[in-house]
Amino acid sequence: MNANVKLGLEEYNRKLASGEIERTPPKNPIQKWKENPTKIRMSVNAYCVDCSGGVEEANWMNRVRYCQILGCPLHQVRPYSKGISNKQCLAWREVD
C-alpha cells in the first residue's frame, strides 16, 4: 500500500474513532436509483429489489440473488448474483 494512502487511512480511522467524523449509513438500491434515475444499472438494481418485495422485507438481498423467475429479461443481469447458476436459484429456499 502506498505510504500516503496508508497515512490517510490511519487518519480517517482515528477521526472515526474520536467521533470527529461520522460514517454515513450505506444506501439501498432504491435510494441510489432515486438519486440517479437515468442510470441503467441503478434502474435494474432498484427494479429487482422492488420485485422481490423491497428493502423493508427481511432477507431481500438473498431473494434478489436467488431469484427464481428465470423467464425475466433481467434475470441474467440482476444484482448480487455473480456466479450463481439457475439450478442454485431453483434450489434455494428462504429460511426465516
N, C-alpha and C. Protein backbone atom coordinates (compact mmCIF):
# COMPACT_ATOMS: atom_id res chain seq x y z
N MET A 1 0.85 -1.17 0.00
CA MET A 1 0.00 0.00 0.00
C MET A 1 0.89 1.24 0.00
N ASN A 2 0.54 2.21 -0.79
CA ASN A 2 1.27 3.47 -0.87
C ASN A 2 1.32 4.12 0.52
N ALA A 3 2.46 4.72 0.88
CA ALA A 3 2.64 5.33 2.20
C ALA A 3 1.62 6.44 2.45
N ASN A 4 1.34 7.26 1.43
CA ASN A 4 0.36 8.34 1.59
C ASN A 4 -1.04 7.79 1.81
N VAL A 5 -1.38 6.73 1.12
CA VAL A 5 -2.69 6.11 1.28
C VAL A 5 -2.80 5.54 2.69
N LYS A 6 -1.74 4.89 3.14
CA LYS A 6 -1.74 4.31 4.49
C LYS A 6 -1.92 5.39 5.55
N LEU A 7 -1.21 6.50 5.41
CA LEU A 7 -1.34 7.61 6.36
C LEU A 7 -2.75 8.19 6.35
N GLY A 8 -3.30 8.36 5.15
CA GLY A 8 -4.65 8.88 5.03
C GLY A 8 -5.67 7.96 5.67
N LEU A 9 -5.53 6.67 5.47
CA LEU A 9 -6.43 5.70 6.07
C LEU A 9 -6.33 5.70 7.59
N GLU A 10 -5.11 5.78 8.09
CA GLU A 10 -4.92 5.83 9.55
C GLU A 10 -5.58 7.08 10.13
N GLU A 11 -5.42 8.23 9.46
CA GLU A 11 -6.04 9.47 9.93
C GLU A 11 -7.56 9.37 9.89
N TYR A 12 -8.09 8.79 8.82
CA TYR A 12 -9.54 8.61 8.70
C TYR A 12 -10.07 7.73 9.84
N ASN A 13 -9.39 6.61 10.10
CA ASN A 13 -9.82 5.72 11.18
C ASN A 13 -9.73 6.39 12.54
N ARG A 14 -8.70 7.23 12.74
CA ARG A 14 -8.55 7.95 14.01
C ARG A 14 -9.71 8.92 14.18
N LYS A 15 -10.07 9.64 13.11
CA LYS A 15 -11.17 10.60 13.18
C LYS A 15 -12.51 9.89 13.40
N LEU A 16 -12.68 8.73 12.79
CA LEU A 16 -13.90 7.94 13.03
C LEU A 16 -14.00 7.54 14.50
N ALA A 17 -12.89 7.04 15.04
CA ALA A 17 -12.87 6.57 16.43
C ALA A 17 -13.13 7.72 17.41
N SER A 18 -12.61 8.90 17.10
CA SER A 18 -12.78 10.03 18.01
C SER A 18 -14.14 10.71 17.88
N GLY A 19 -14.88 10.38 16.83
CA GLY A 19 -16.17 11.00 16.61
C GLY A 19 -16.09 12.31 15.84
N GLU A 20 -14.90 12.65 15.39
CA GLU A 20 -14.70 13.89 14.63
C GLU A 20 -15.47 13.85 13.31
N ILE A 21 -15.55 12.67 12.71
CA ILE A 21 -16.39 12.48 11.52
C ILE A 21 -17.27 11.27 11.75
N GLU A 22 -18.41 11.25 11.07
CA GLU A 22 -19.34 10.12 11.18
C GLU A 22 -19.45 9.42 9.85
N ARG A 23 -19.50 8.12 9.92
CA ARG A 23 -19.70 7.33 8.71
C ARG A 23 -21.17 7.37 8.35
N THR A 24 -21.46 7.69 7.11
CA THR A 24 -22.86 7.72 6.68
C THR A 24 -23.34 6.30 6.43
N PRO A 25 -24.57 6.01 6.77
CA PRO A 25 -25.08 4.65 6.54
C PRO A 25 -25.15 4.36 5.05
N PRO A 26 -24.93 3.11 4.66
CA PRO A 26 -25.00 2.76 3.23
C PRO A 26 -26.42 2.93 2.70
N LYS A 27 -26.52 3.24 1.41
CA LYS A 27 -27.82 3.41 0.78
C LYS A 27 -28.23 2.11 0.11
N ASN A 28 -29.52 1.84 0.12
CA ASN A 28 -30.02 0.66 -0.57
C ASN A 28 -30.21 1.00 -2.04
N PRO A 29 -30.42 -0.01 -2.90
CA PRO A 29 -30.53 0.24 -4.34
C PRO A 29 -31.66 1.19 -4.74
N ILE A 30 -32.74 1.21 -4.00
CA ILE A 30 -33.84 2.11 -4.35
C ILE A 30 -33.45 3.55 -4.05
N GLN A 31 -32.77 3.79 -2.94
CA GLN A 31 -32.29 5.15 -2.63
C GLN A 31 -31.28 5.62 -3.67
N LYS A 32 -30.39 4.72 -4.09
CA LYS A 32 -29.40 5.07 -5.11
C LYS A 32 -30.08 5.41 -6.43
N TRP A 33 -31.11 4.64 -6.80
CA TRP A 33 -31.83 4.89 -8.04
C TRP A 33 -32.53 6.25 -8.01
N LYS A 34 -33.11 6.60 -6.86
CA LYS A 34 -33.79 7.89 -6.75
C LYS A 34 -32.83 9.06 -6.97
N GLU A 35 -31.56 8.86 -6.64
CA GLU A 35 -30.56 9.90 -6.87
C GLU A 35 -30.09 9.93 -8.33
N ASN A 36 -30.17 8.80 -9.02
CA ASN A 36 -29.70 8.67 -10.41
C ASN A 36 -30.71 7.88 -11.24
N PRO A 37 -31.91 8.40 -11.47
CA PRO A 37 -32.94 7.61 -12.15
C PRO A 37 -32.65 7.32 -13.62
N THR A 38 -31.68 7.98 -14.22
CA THR A 38 -31.40 7.73 -15.63
C THR A 38 -30.29 6.70 -15.84
N LYS A 39 -29.69 6.22 -14.78
CA LYS A 39 -28.63 5.21 -14.89
C LYS A 39 -29.26 3.83 -15.02
N ILE A 40 -28.89 3.11 -16.05
CA ILE A 40 -29.48 1.80 -16.32
C ILE A 40 -29.21 0.82 -15.18
N ARG A 41 -27.96 0.75 -14.71
CA ARG A 41 -27.62 -0.20 -13.65
C ARG A 41 -28.43 0.09 -12.39
N MET A 42 -28.57 1.36 -12.04
CA MET A 42 -29.35 1.73 -10.85
C MET A 42 -30.82 1.33 -11.03
N SER A 43 -31.32 1.48 -12.25
CA SER A 43 -32.71 1.12 -12.53
C SER A 43 -32.94 -0.38 -12.42
N VAL A 44 -32.03 -1.17 -12.97
CA VAL A 44 -32.15 -2.63 -12.89
C VAL A 44 -32.09 -3.07 -11.43
N ASN A 45 -31.13 -2.55 -10.69
CA ASN A 45 -30.98 -2.94 -9.28
C ASN A 45 -32.25 -2.60 -8.49
N ALA A 46 -32.75 -1.38 -8.67
CA ALA A 46 -33.95 -0.97 -7.94
C ALA A 46 -35.16 -1.82 -8.34
N TYR A 47 -35.28 -2.12 -9.63
CA TYR A 47 -36.41 -2.93 -10.09
C TYR A 47 -36.37 -4.32 -9.45
N CYS A 48 -35.20 -4.94 -9.45
CA CYS A 48 -35.08 -6.29 -8.88
C CYS A 48 -35.40 -6.29 -7.39
N VAL A 49 -34.94 -5.30 -6.67
CA VAL A 49 -35.23 -5.21 -5.24
C VAL A 49 -36.72 -5.00 -5.02
N ASP A 50 -37.33 -4.11 -5.79
CA ASP A 50 -38.76 -3.85 -5.67
C ASP A 50 -39.57 -5.10 -6.01
N CYS A 51 -39.18 -5.80 -7.06
CA CYS A 51 -39.88 -7.02 -7.49
C CYS A 51 -39.81 -8.11 -6.42
N SER A 52 -38.70 -8.15 -5.68
CA SER A 52 -38.52 -9.20 -4.68
C SER A 52 -39.17 -8.86 -3.34
N GLY A 53 -39.83 -7.72 -3.25
CA GLY A 53 -40.54 -7.39 -2.03
C GLY A 53 -40.05 -6.11 -1.36
N GLY A 54 -38.99 -5.53 -1.86
CA GLY A 54 -38.49 -4.28 -1.30
C GLY A 54 -37.52 -4.48 -0.16
N VAL A 55 -36.87 -3.40 0.22
CA VAL A 55 -35.84 -3.47 1.27
C VAL A 55 -36.44 -3.57 2.66
N GLU A 56 -37.74 -3.34 2.79
CA GLU A 56 -38.37 -3.45 4.10
C GLU A 56 -38.48 -4.91 4.55
N GLU A 57 -38.50 -5.81 3.59
CA GLU A 57 -38.60 -7.24 3.89
C GLU A 57 -37.24 -7.79 4.33
N ALA A 58 -37.26 -8.67 5.29
CA ALA A 58 -36.02 -9.32 5.73
C ALA A 58 -35.49 -10.19 4.60
N ASN A 59 -34.19 -10.32 4.51
CA ASN A 59 -33.54 -11.22 3.55
C ASN A 59 -33.73 -10.78 2.09
N TRP A 60 -33.93 -9.48 1.85
CA TRP A 60 -34.21 -9.00 0.49
C TRP A 60 -33.06 -9.26 -0.46
N MET A 61 -31.83 -9.17 0.02
CA MET A 61 -30.69 -9.35 -0.87
C MET A 61 -30.61 -10.79 -1.38
N ASN A 62 -30.88 -11.77 -0.54
CA ASN A 62 -30.86 -13.16 -0.99
C ASN A 62 -32.02 -13.46 -1.92
N ARG A 63 -33.17 -12.80 -1.73
CA ARG A 63 -34.29 -13.03 -2.66
C ARG A 63 -33.94 -12.52 -4.04
N VAL A 64 -33.17 -11.43 -4.12
CA VAL A 64 -32.71 -10.94 -5.43
C VAL A 64 -31.64 -11.88 -5.96
N ARG A 65 -30.69 -12.24 -5.13
CA ARG A 65 -29.57 -13.10 -5.53
C ARG A 65 -30.06 -14.43 -6.09
N TYR A 66 -31.04 -15.04 -5.45
CA TYR A 66 -31.54 -16.37 -5.86
C TYR A 66 -32.91 -16.28 -6.52
N CYS A 67 -33.15 -15.21 -7.27
CA CYS A 67 -34.43 -15.02 -7.94
C CYS A 67 -34.79 -16.26 -8.76
N GLN A 68 -36.02 -16.71 -8.61
CA GLN A 68 -36.46 -17.93 -9.30
C GLN A 68 -37.31 -17.64 -10.54
N ILE A 69 -37.40 -16.38 -10.92
CA ILE A 69 -38.16 -16.02 -12.12
C ILE A 69 -37.19 -16.04 -13.30
N LEU A 70 -36.90 -17.25 -13.77
CA LEU A 70 -35.89 -17.43 -14.82
C LEU A 70 -36.30 -16.81 -16.15
N GLY A 71 -37.59 -16.60 -16.37
CA GLY A 71 -38.06 -16.01 -17.62
C GLY A 71 -37.97 -14.49 -17.65
N CYS A 72 -37.60 -13.88 -16.56
CA CYS A 72 -37.50 -12.42 -16.51
C CYS A 72 -36.34 -11.97 -17.40
N PRO A 73 -36.54 -10.93 -18.22
CA PRO A 73 -35.46 -10.47 -19.10
C PRO A 73 -34.27 -9.89 -18.33
N LEU A 74 -34.46 -9.56 -17.06
CA LEU A 74 -33.37 -9.00 -16.25
C LEU A 74 -32.66 -10.06 -15.40
N HIS A 75 -33.14 -11.30 -15.47
CA HIS A 75 -32.60 -12.34 -14.58
C HIS A 75 -31.09 -12.49 -14.69
N GLN A 76 -30.55 -12.47 -15.88
CA GLN A 76 -29.11 -12.67 -16.06
C GLN A 76 -28.27 -11.46 -15.65
N VAL A 77 -28.90 -10.31 -15.45
CA VAL A 77 -28.15 -9.11 -15.06
C VAL A 77 -28.57 -8.58 -13.69
N ARG A 78 -29.28 -9.39 -12.92
CA ARG A 78 -29.72 -8.93 -11.60
C ARG A 78 -28.52 -8.74 -10.67
N PRO A 79 -28.66 -7.86 -9.69
CA PRO A 79 -27.55 -7.61 -8.78
C PRO A 79 -27.31 -8.76 -7.81
N TYR A 80 -26.13 -8.80 -7.23
CA TYR A 80 -25.73 -9.75 -6.18
C TYR A 80 -25.70 -11.21 -6.65
N SER A 81 -25.68 -11.47 -7.96
CA SER A 81 -25.85 -12.85 -8.43
C SER A 81 -24.63 -13.43 -9.14
N LYS A 82 -23.50 -12.79 -9.07
CA LYS A 82 -22.33 -13.27 -9.80
C LYS A 82 -21.98 -14.70 -9.37
N GLY A 83 -21.89 -15.57 -10.35
CA GLY A 83 -21.50 -16.96 -10.10
C GLY A 83 -22.63 -17.87 -9.64
N ILE A 84 -23.85 -17.39 -9.61
CA ILE A 84 -24.97 -18.21 -9.15
C ILE A 84 -25.71 -18.76 -10.36
N SER A 85 -25.86 -20.06 -10.41
CA SER A 85 -26.50 -20.71 -11.56
C SER A 85 -28.02 -20.75 -11.40
N ASN A 86 -28.70 -20.99 -12.51
CA ASN A 86 -30.15 -21.14 -12.47
C ASN A 86 -30.55 -22.31 -11.58
N LYS A 87 -29.75 -23.36 -11.59
CA LYS A 87 -30.03 -24.54 -10.75
C LYS A 87 -30.00 -24.15 -9.26
N GLN A 88 -29.02 -23.31 -8.87
CA GLN A 88 -28.94 -22.86 -7.49
C GLN A 88 -30.13 -21.98 -7.14
N CYS A 89 -30.57 -21.17 -8.08
CA CYS A 89 -31.74 -20.31 -7.84
C CYS A 89 -32.97 -21.16 -7.56
N LEU A 90 -33.17 -22.17 -8.38
CA LEU A 90 -34.35 -23.02 -8.21
C LEU A 90 -34.30 -23.86 -6.94
N ALA A 91 -33.09 -24.17 -6.47
CA ALA A 91 -32.94 -25.00 -5.27
C ALA A 91 -33.02 -24.18 -3.98
N TRP A 92 -32.87 -22.86 -4.07
CA TRP A 92 -32.85 -22.01 -2.88
C TRP A 92 -34.21 -21.92 -2.23
N ARG A 93 -34.21 -22.02 -0.94
CA ARG A 93 -35.44 -21.85 -0.14
C ARG A 93 -35.16 -20.84 0.95
N GLU A 94 -36.05 -19.88 1.07
CA GLU A 94 -35.89 -18.85 2.11
C GLU A 94 -36.19 -19.45 3.47
N VAL A 95 -35.31 -19.19 4.41
CA VAL A 95 -35.48 -19.69 5.77
C VAL A 95 -35.66 -18.49 6.69
N ASP A 96 -36.72 -18.49 7.49
CA ASP A 96 -36.94 -17.38 8.42
C ASP A 96 -36.18 -17.58 9.70
